[in-house]
Amino acid sequence: MRSISDLTREELEQIARSVQDMLYLDNSRGGDFYNPDKDWSGADVCESLAGTLCEFGLVPNEATPAS
């Protein structure tokens, strides 16, 4: 598992953008809009977050102590 401190600024920005999109990007109106009232499922968001963390190598390979 990568350490968070090893991430570049660009990677941190990508992660933040990804989380923002998961929660607020709404394409139900025929285009992409940020909607602060967008409905979302906790399970879907958690699944997407897990995928994002995996993409950046932030998923532990085994049980490890938190730092």
PDB file of N, CA and C in Angstrom:
ATOM      1  N   MET A   1       0.842  -1.165   0.000  1.00  0.00           N
ATOM      2  CA  MET A   1       0.000   0.000   0.000  1.00  0.00           C
ATOM      3  C   MET A   1       0.895   1.239   0.000  1.00  0.00           C
ATOM      4  N   ARG A   2       0.550   2.178  -0.849  1.00  0.00           N
ATOM      5  CA  ARG A   2       1.273   3.448  -0.895  1.00  0.00           C
ATOM      6  C   ARG A   2       0.938   4.285   0.327  1.00  0.00           C
ATOM      7  N   SER A   3       1.881   5.085   0.714  1.00  0.00           N
ATOM      8  CA  SER A   3       1.643   6.048   1.781  1.00  0.00           C
ATOM      9  C   SER A   3       0.990   7.287   1.175  1.00  0.00           C
ATOM     10  N   ILE A   4       0.053   7.856   1.890  1.00  0.00           N
ATOM     11  CA  ILE A   4      -0.605   9.065   1.404  1.00  0.00           C
ATOM     12  C   ILE A   4       0.410  10.174   1.150  1.00  0.00           C
ATOM     13  N   SER A   5       1.444  10.229   1.967  1.00  0.00           N
ATOM     14  CA  SER A   5       2.454  11.280   1.793  1.00  0.00           C
ATOM     15  C   SER A   5       3.264  11.106   0.508  1.00  0.00           C
ATOM     16  N   ASP A   6       3.183   9.939  -0.128  1.00  0.00           N
ATOM     17  CA  ASP A   6       3.877   9.706  -1.390  1.00  0.00           C
ATOM     18  C   ASP A   6       3.094  10.214  -2.603  1.00  0.00           C
ATOM     19  N   LEU A   7       1.845  10.586  -2.400  1.00  0.00           N
ATOM     20  CA  LEU A   7       1.026  11.059  -3.516  1.00  0.00           C
ATOM     21  C   LEU A   7       1.496  12.436  -3.970  1.00  0.00           C
ATOM     22  N   THR A   8       1.436  12.653  -5.268  1.00  0.00           N
ATOM     23  CA  THR A   8       1.770  13.969  -5.811  1.00  0.00           C
ATOM     24  C   THR A   8       0.572  14.902  -5.640  1.00  0.00           C
ATOM     25  N   ARG A   9       0.816  16.168  -5.793  1.00  0.00           N
ATOM     26  CA  ARG A   9      -0.288  17.139  -5.719  1.00  0.00           C
ATOM     27  C   ARG A   9      -1.338  16.814  -6.780  1.00  0.00           C
ATOM     28  N   GLU A  10      -0.886  16.447  -7.971  1.00  0.00           N
ATOM     29  CA  GLU A  10      -1.814  16.124  -9.054  1.00  0.00           C
ATOM     30  C   GLU A  10      -2.687  14.930  -8.686  1.00  0.00           C
ATOM     31  N   GLU A  11      -2.090  13.914  -8.060  1.00  0.00           N
ATOM     32  CA  GLU A  11      -2.866  12.751  -7.651  1.00  0.00           C
ATOM     33  C   GLU A  11      -3.883  13.113  -6.570  1.00  0.00           C
ATOM     34  N   LEU A  12      -3.472  13.934  -5.620  1.00  0.00           N
ATOM     35  CA  LEU A  12      -4.403  14.386  -4.578  1.00  0.00           C
ATOM     36  C   LEU A  12      -5.555  15.181  -5.192  1.00  0.00           C
ATOM     37  N   GLU A  13      -5.255  16.012  -6.182  1.00  0.00           N
ATOM     38  CA  GLU A  13      -6.305  16.769  -6.863  1.00  0.00           C
ATOM     39  C   GLU A  13      -7.254  15.827  -7.602  1.00  0.00           C
ATOM     40  N   GLN A  14      -6.713  14.796  -8.237  1.00  0.00           N
ATOM     41  CA  GLN A  14      -7.558  13.821  -8.938  1.00  0.00           C
ATOM     42  C   GLN A  14      -8.483  13.101  -7.964  1.00  0.00           C
ATOM     43  N   ILE A  15      -7.961  12.740  -6.804  1.00  0.00           N
ATOM     44  CA  ILE A  15      -8.777  12.051  -5.799  1.00  0.00           C
ATOM     45  C   ILE A  15      -9.887  12.975  -5.311  1.00  0.00           C
ATOM     46  N   ALA A  16      -9.544  14.225  -4.993  1.00  0.00           N
ATOM     47  CA  ALA A  16     -10.551  15.182  -4.531  1.00  0.00           C
ATOM     48  C   ALA A  16     -11.612  15.410  -5.598  1.00  0.00           C
ATOM     49  N   ARG A  17     -11.200  15.551  -6.857  1.00  0.00           N
ATOM     50  CA  ARG A  17     -12.141  15.750  -7.958  1.00  0.00           C
ATOM     51  C   ARG A  17     -13.049  14.530  -8.109  1.00  0.00           C
ATOM     52  N   SER A  18     -12.477  13.362  -7.963  1.00  0.00           N
ATOM     53  CA  SER A  18     -13.247  12.126  -8.078  1.00  0.00           C
ATOM     54  C   SER A  18     -14.322  12.044  -6.992  1.00  0.00           C
ATOM     55  N   VAL A  19     -13.955  12.394  -5.760  1.00  0.00           N
ATOM     56  CA  VAL A  19     -14.925  12.378  -4.653  1.00  0.00           C
ATOM     57  C   VAL A  19     -16.021  13.419  -4.904  1.00  0.00           C
ATOM     58  N   GLN A  20     -15.627  14.606  -5.337  1.00  0.00           N
ATOM     59  CA  GLN A  20     -16.607  15.649  -5.636  1.00  0.00           C
ATOM     60  C   GLN A  20     -17.572  15.178  -6.726  1.00  0.00           C
ATOM     61  N   ASP A  21     -17.047  14.560  -7.775  1.00  0.00           N
ATOM     62  CA  ASP A  21     -17.895  14.053  -8.858  1.00  0.00           C
ATOM     63  C   ASP A  21     -18.832  12.961  -8.363  1.00  0.00           C
ATOM     64  N   MET A  22     -18.322  12.046  -7.523  1.00  0.00           N
ATOM     65  CA  MET A  22     -19.165  10.962  -6.993  1.00  0.00           C
ATOM     66  C   MET A  22     -20.381  11.520  -6.266  1.00  0.00           C
ATOM     67  N   LEU A  23     -20.139  12.550  -5.482  1.00  0.00           N
ATOM     68  CA  LEU A  23     -21.199  13.083  -4.636  1.00  0.00           C
ATOM     69  C   LEU A  23     -22.124  14.064  -5.338  1.00  0.00           C
ATOM     70  N   TYR A  24     -21.602  14.860  -6.259  1.00  0.00           N
ATOM     71  CA  TYR A  24     -22.392  15.979  -6.757  1.00  0.00           C
ATOM     72  C   TYR A  24     -22.571  16.076  -8.262  1.00  0.00           C
ATOM     73  N   LEU A  25     -21.791  15.342  -9.067  1.00  0.00           N
ATOM     74  CA  LEU A  25     -21.937  15.451 -10.517  1.00  0.00           C
ATOM     75  C   LEU A  25     -23.231  14.776 -10.943  1.00  0.00           C
ATOM     76  N   ASP A  26     -24.058  15.527 -11.608  1.00  0.00           N
ATOM     77  CA  ASP A  26     -25.393  15.065 -11.992  1.00  0.00           C
ATOM     78  C   ASP A  26     -25.531  15.220 -13.496  1.00  0.00           C
ATOM     79  N   ASN A  27     -25.647  14.111 -14.190  1.00  0.00           N
ATOM     80  CA  ASN A  27     -25.794  14.177 -15.643  1.00  0.00           C
ATOM     81  C   ASN A  27     -27.205  13.791 -16.077  1.00  0.00           C
ATOM     82  N   SER A  28     -28.148  13.874 -15.161  1.00  0.00           N
ATOM     83  CA  SER A  28     -29.528  13.486 -15.471  1.00  0.00           C
ATOM     84  C   SER A  28     -30.279  14.543 -16.284  1.00  0.00           C
ATOM     85  N   ARG A  29     -29.708  15.723 -16.447  1.00  0.00           N
ATOM     86  CA  ARG A  29     -30.378  16.799 -17.188  1.00  0.00           C
ATOM     87  C   ARG A  29     -29.837  16.950 -18.608  1.00  0.00           C
ATOM     88  N   GLY A  30     -29.188  15.928 -19.115  1.00  0.00           N
ATOM     89  CA  GLY A  30     -28.675  15.982 -20.470  1.00  0.00           C
ATOM     90  C   GLY A  30     -27.304  16.614 -20.577  1.00  0.00           C
ATOM     91  N   GLY A  31     -26.654  16.827 -19.484  1.00  0.00           N
ATOM     92  CA  GLY A  31     -25.314  17.395 -19.448  1.00  0.00           C
ATOM     93  C   GLY A  31     -24.749  17.210 -18.062  1.00  0.00           C
ATOM     94  N   ASP A  32     -23.500  17.580 -17.893  1.00  0.00           N
ATOM     95  CA  ASP A  32     -22.874  17.443 -16.584  1.00  0.00           C
ATOM     96  C   ASP A  32     -23.015  18.750 -15.805  1.00  0.00           C
ATOM     97  N   PHE A  33     -23.656  18.655 -14.648  1.00  0.00           N
ATOM     98  CA  PHE A  33     -23.840  19.791 -13.756  1.00  0.00           C
ATOM     99  C   PHE A  33     -23.522  19.345 -12.342  1.00  0.00           C
ATOM    100  N   TYR A  34     -22.961  20.238 -11.541  1.00  0.00           N
ATOM    101  CA  TYR A  34     -22.793  19.949 -10.123  1.00  0.00           C
ATOM    102  C   TYR A  34     -24.077  20.358  -9.413  1.00  0.00           C
ATOM    103  N   ASN A  35     -24.624  19.425  -8.661  1.00  0.00           N
ATOM    104  CA  ASN A  35     -25.899  19.615  -7.993  1.00  0.00           C
ATOM    105  C   ASN A  35     -25.719  19.328  -6.503  1.00  0.00           C
ATOM    106  N   PRO A  36     -25.784  20.346  -5.655  1.00  0.00           N
ATOM    107  CA  PRO A  36     -25.589  20.122  -4.221  1.00  0.00           C
ATOM    108  C   PRO A  36     -26.701  19.285  -3.594  1.00  0.00           C
ATOM    109  N   ASP A  37     -27.826  19.132  -4.304  1.00  0.00           N
ATOM    110  CA  ASP A  37     -28.955  18.350  -3.787  1.00  0.00           C
ATOM    111  C   ASP A  37     -29.070  16.979  -4.443  1.00  0.00           C
ATOM    112  N   LYS A  38     -28.044  16.556  -5.158  1.00  0.00           N
ATOM    113  CA  LYS A  38     -28.086  15.274  -5.855  1.00  0.00           C
ATOM    114  C   LYS A  38     -28.315  14.140  -4.855  1.00  0.00           C
ATOM    115  N   ASP A  39     -29.220  13.228  -5.207  1.00  0.00           N
ATOM    116  CA  ASP A  39     -29.442  12.031  -4.399  1.00  0.00           C
ATOM    117  C   ASP A  39     -28.370  11.012  -4.728  1.00  0.00           C
ATOM    118  N   TRP A  40     -27.830  10.370  -3.696  1.00  0.00           N
ATOM    119  CA  TRP A  40     -26.854   9.307  -3.911  1.00  0.00           C
ATOM    120  C   TRP A  40     -27.007   8.263  -2.826  1.00  0.00           C
ATOM    121  N   SER A  41     -26.586   7.079  -3.160  1.00  0.00           N
ATOM    122  CA  SER A  41     -26.644   5.942  -2.242  1.00  0.00           C
ATOM    123  C   SER A  41     -25.306   5.792  -1.537  1.00  0.00           C
ATOM    124  N   GLY A  42     -25.349   5.629  -0.227  1.00  0.00           N
ATOM    125  CA  GLY A  42     -24.119   5.425   0.537  1.00  0.00           C
ATOM    126  C   GLY A  42     -23.324   4.232   0.032  1.00  0.00           C
ATOM    127  N   ALA A  43     -24.024   3.147  -0.316  1.00  0.00           N
ATOM    128  CA  ALA A  43     -23.334   1.944  -0.800  1.00  0.00           C
ATOM    129  C   ALA A  43     -22.628   2.221  -2.122  1.00  0.00           C
ATOM    130  N   ASP A  44     -23.285   2.954  -3.016  1.00  0.00           N
ATOM    131  CA  ASP A  44     -22.669   3.279  -4.309  1.00  0.00           C
ATOM    132  C   ASP A  44     -21.448   4.176  -4.129  1.00  0.00           C
ATOM    133  N   VAL A  45     -21.556   5.162  -3.241  1.00  0.00           N
ATOM    134  CA  VAL A  45     -20.433   6.059  -2.987  1.00  0.00           C
ATOM    135  C   VAL A  45     -19.269   5.281  -2.382  1.00  0.00           C
ATOM    136  N   CYS A  46     -19.551   4.406  -1.428  1.00  0.00           N
ATOM    137  CA  CYS A  46     -18.484   3.604  -0.817  1.00  0.00           C
ATOM    138  C   CYS A  46     -17.789   2.726  -1.855  1.00  0.00           C
ATOM    139  N   GLU A  47     -18.557   2.132  -2.746  1.00  0.00           N
ATOM    140  CA  GLU A  47     -17.970   1.298  -3.799  1.00  0.00           C
ATOM    141  C   GLU A  47     -17.081   2.141  -4.716  1.00  0.00           C
ATOM    142  N   SER A  48     -17.538   3.325  -5.065  1.00  0.00           N
ATOM    143  CA  SER A  48     -16.743   4.212  -5.913  1.00  0.00           C
ATOM    144  C   SER A  48     -15.484   4.690  -5.196  1.00  0.00           C
ATOM    145  N   LEU A  49     -15.608   5.013  -3.904  1.00  0.00           N
ATOM    146  CA  LEU A  49     -14.439   5.421  -3.124  1.00  0.00           C
ATOM    147  C   LEU A  49     -13.405   4.306  -3.064  1.00  0.00           C
ATOM    148  N   ALA A  50     -13.863   3.086  -2.848  1.00  0.00           N
ATOM    149  CA  ALA A  50     -12.946   1.945  -2.809  1.00  0.00           C
ATOM    150  C   ALA A  50     -12.215   1.801  -4.142  1.00  0.00           C
ATOM    151  N   GLY A  51     -12.916   2.001  -5.239  1.00  0.00           N
ATOM    152  CA  GLY A  51     -12.296   1.923  -6.559  1.00  0.00           C
ATOM    153  C   GLY A  51     -11.250   3.002  -6.764  1.00  0.00           C
ATOM    154  N   THR A  52     -11.559   4.211  -6.310  1.00  0.00           N
ATOM    155  CA  THR A  52     -10.602   5.316  -6.427  1.00  0.00           C
ATOM    156  C   THR A  52      -9.360   5.040  -5.594  1.00  0.00           C
ATOM    157  N   LEU A  53      -9.539   4.585  -4.350  1.00  0.00           N
ATOM    158  CA  LEU A  53      -8.391   4.262  -3.503  1.00  0.00           C
ATOM    159  C   LEU A  53      -7.547   3.153  -4.128  1.00  0.00           C
ATOM    160  N   CYS A  54      -8.187   2.174  -4.725  1.00  0.00           N
ATOM    161  CA  CYS A  54      -7.467   1.081  -5.396  1.00  0.00           C
ATOM    162  C   CYS A  54      -6.672   1.626  -6.585  1.00  0.00           C
ATOM    163  N   GLU A  55      -7.273   2.509  -7.342  1.00  0.00           N
ATOM    164  CA  GLU A  55      -6.615   3.096  -8.521  1.00  0.00           C
ATOM    165  C   GLU A  55      -5.310   3.798  -8.149  1.00  0.00           C
ATOM    166  N   PHE A  56      -5.259   4.372  -6.970  1.00  0.00           N
ATOM    167  CA  PHE A  56      -4.069   5.101  -6.538  1.00  0.00           C
ATOM    168  C   PHE A  56      -3.181   4.284  -5.593  1.00  0.00           C
ATOM    169  N   GLY A  57      -3.455   2.986  -5.487  1.00  0.00           N
ATOM    170  CA  GLY A  57      -2.609   2.108  -4.686  1.00  0.00           C
ATOM    171  C   GLY A  57      -2.737   2.319  -3.191  1.00  0.00           C
ATOM    172  N   LEU A  58      -3.906   2.770  -2.751  1.00  0.00           N
ATOM    173  CA  LEU A  58      -4.099   3.091  -1.343  1.00  0.00           C
ATOM    174  C   LEU A  58      -4.900   2.031  -0.578  1.00  0.00           C
ATOM    175  N   VAL A  59      -5.038   0.857  -1.150  1.00  0.00           N
ATOM    176  CA  VAL A  59      -5.726  -0.251  -0.486  1.00  0.00           C
ATOM    177  C   VAL A  59      -4.673  -1.169   0.124  1.00  0.00           C
ATOM    178  N   PRO A  60      -4.800  -1.482   1.418  1.00  0.00           N
ATOM    179  CA  PRO A  60      -3.800  -2.359   2.040  1.00  0.00           C
ATOM    180  C   PRO A  60      -3.833  -3.754   1.448  1.00  0.00           C
ATOM    181  N   ASN A  61      -2.655  -4.371   1.317  1.00  0.00           N
ATOM    182  CA  ASN A  61      -2.539  -5.727   0.803  1.00  0.00           C
ATOM    183  C   ASN A  61      -2.841  -6.754   1.888  1.00  0.00           C
ATOM    184  N   GLU A  62      -2.661  -6.334   3.131  1.00  0.00           N
ATOM    185  CA  GLU A  62      -2.888  -7.202   4.287  1.00  0.00           C
ATOM    186  C   GLU A  62      -3.217  -6.299   5.465  1.00  0.00           C
ATOM    187  N   ALA A  63      -3.612  -6.920   6.561  1.00  0.00           N
ATOM    188  CA  ALA A  63      -3.913  -6.127   7.760  1.00  0.00           C
ATOM    189  C   ALA A  63      -2.635  -5.437   8.236  1.00  0.00           C
ATOM    190  N   THR A  64      -2.685  -4.120   8.275  1.00  0.00           N
ATOM    191  CA  THR A  64      -1.528  -3.337   8.702  1.00  0.00           C
ATOM    192  C   THR A  64      -1.981  -2.308   9.725  1.00  0.00           C
ATOM    193  N   PRO A  65      -1.104  -1.955  10.645  1.00  0.00           N
ATOM    194  CA  PRO A  65      -1.478  -0.924  11.631  1.00  0.00           C
ATOM    195  C   PRO A  65      -1.664   0.424  10.941  1.00  0.00           C
ATOM    196  N   ALA A  66      -2.654   1.165  11.407  1.00  0.00           N
ATOM    197  CA  ALA A  66      -2.869   2.515  10.877  1.00  0.00           C
ATOM    198  C   ALA A  66      -1.797   3.436  11.442  1.00  0.00           C
ATOM    199  N   SER A  67      -1.384   4.388  10.622  1.00  0.00           N
ATOM    200  CA  SER A  67      -0.358   5.314  11.114  1.00  0.00           C
ATOM    201  C   SER A  67      -0.925   6.654  11.442  1.00  0.00           C
TER     202      SER A  67
END
